[in-house]
Protein backbone atom coordinates (compact mmCIF):
# COMPACT_ATOMS: atom_id res chain seq x y z
CA MET A 1 93.21 111.21 119.36
CA ALA A 2 95.27 110.31 116.37
CA ALA A 3 97.08 107.00 115.82
CA PHE A 4 99.94 106.33 113.32
CA GLU A 5 101.26 103.08 111.89
CA PHE A 6 104.75 103.42 110.47
CA LYS A 7 106.30 100.92 108.08
CA PRO A 8 109.99 100.96 107.27
CA PRO A 9 111.40 100.58 103.75
CA THR A 10 112.69 97.07 104.82
CA GLU A 11 109.03 95.85 105.39
CA THR A 12 107.58 93.14 103.22
CA LYS A 13 104.42 93.47 101.07
CA ARG A 14 102.63 91.37 103.54
CA GLY A 15 103.77 93.61 106.39
CA ILE A 16 102.52 96.67 104.56
CA LEU A 17 99.06 95.07 104.10
CA THR A 18 99.15 94.21 107.77
CA GLY A 19 99.88 97.89 108.39
CA VAL A 20 96.67 98.82 106.52
CA GLY A 21 94.69 96.59 108.79
CA GLN A 22 96.49 97.90 111.92
CA SER A 23 95.83 101.51 111.04
CA ILE A 24 92.13 100.67 110.62
CA ALA A 25 92.10 98.67 113.95
CA TYR A 26 93.44 101.73 115.76
CA LEU A 27 90.10 103.37 115.05
CA GLN A 28 88.71 101.37 117.87
CA ASP A 29 90.51 103.67 120.39
CA SER A 30 91.37 106.70 118.22
CA ASN A 31 89.36 109.24 116.26
CA ILE A 32 91.60 109.12 113.18
CA SER A 33 94.60 107.03 111.99
CA PHE A 34 97.22 107.19 109.34
CA LEU A 35 99.43 104.58 107.61
CA ILE A 36 102.92 105.91 106.95
CA ALA A 37 104.73 103.94 104.32
CA PRO A 38 107.57 104.14 101.75
CA GLU A 39 106.82 104.91 98.05
CA ARG A 40 108.59 101.86 96.93
CA LEU A 41 109.45 98.26 98.18
CA GLU A 42 112.40 97.15 96.11
CA ASP A 43 111.25 97.69 92.48
CA TYR A 44 107.55 97.58 93.39
CA ASN A 45 105.46 100.74 93.23
CA LEU A 46 103.89 100.54 96.63
CA GLY A 47 102.89 104.15 96.66
CA GLY A 48 100.64 103.68 93.52
CA TYR A 49 99.09 100.57 95.01
CA LEU A 50 98.34 102.03 98.37
CA THR A 51 97.04 105.34 96.90
CA GLU A 52 94.49 103.49 94.72
CA LEU A 53 93.55 101.29 97.65
CA PHE A 54 92.82 104.23 99.97
CA GLN A 55 91.01 106.32 97.28
CA LYS A 56 88.75 103.52 96.26
CA GLN A 57 88.22 101.55 99.48
CA ILE A 58 88.91 103.75 102.47
CA PHE A 59 88.49 107.46 101.71
CA GLY A 60 84.99 108.69 102.73
CA LYS A 61 84.30 105.36 104.54
CA LEU A 62 86.71 105.36 107.41
CA PRO A 63 88.68 108.16 109.10
CA SER A 64 92.06 106.67 108.04
CA GLY A 65 94.60 108.37 105.82
CA LEU A 66 97.82 107.56 103.93
CA ILE A 67 101.18 109.31 104.15
CA LEU A 68 104.03 108.27 101.85
CA TYR A 69 107.70 109.03 102.17
CA LYS A 70 110.48 108.92 99.62
CA ASN A 71 112.82 105.93 100.24
CA GLU A 72 115.91 108.02 99.52
CA ASN A 73 114.80 110.80 101.75
CA PRO A 74 112.46 109.68 104.52
CA GLU A 75 112.04 113.41 105.58
CA ASP A 76 110.31 114.03 102.27
CA VAL A 77 106.71 113.04 103.15
CA GLN A 78 103.41 113.57 101.26
CA LEU A 79 99.87 113.39 102.58
CA VAL A 80 98.38 111.30 99.75
CA SER A 81 94.98 110.46 101.16
CA ASN A 82 93.60 112.75 103.86
CA ILE A 83 90.64 112.00 106.01
CA SER A 84 87.29 113.06 104.53
CA THR A 85 85.21 115.38 106.64
């Protein structure tokens, strides 16, 4: 089973970091999880921060991935960090 934690573009930085923890906690009951977040929070490059975090700290260690969406077009999504197999 897969679990997804979605964060809206109105979320705070703290809320996004909470989302990282939530997506990891979902692994207690799910096989894989994904955090879905906007690329930007106001003028902060959230996507860059999360991409680096997932690549350095999560990829290959936990079955949790990252999906980013464009703020101006939430239907434009990108799988940034897939789950390693």
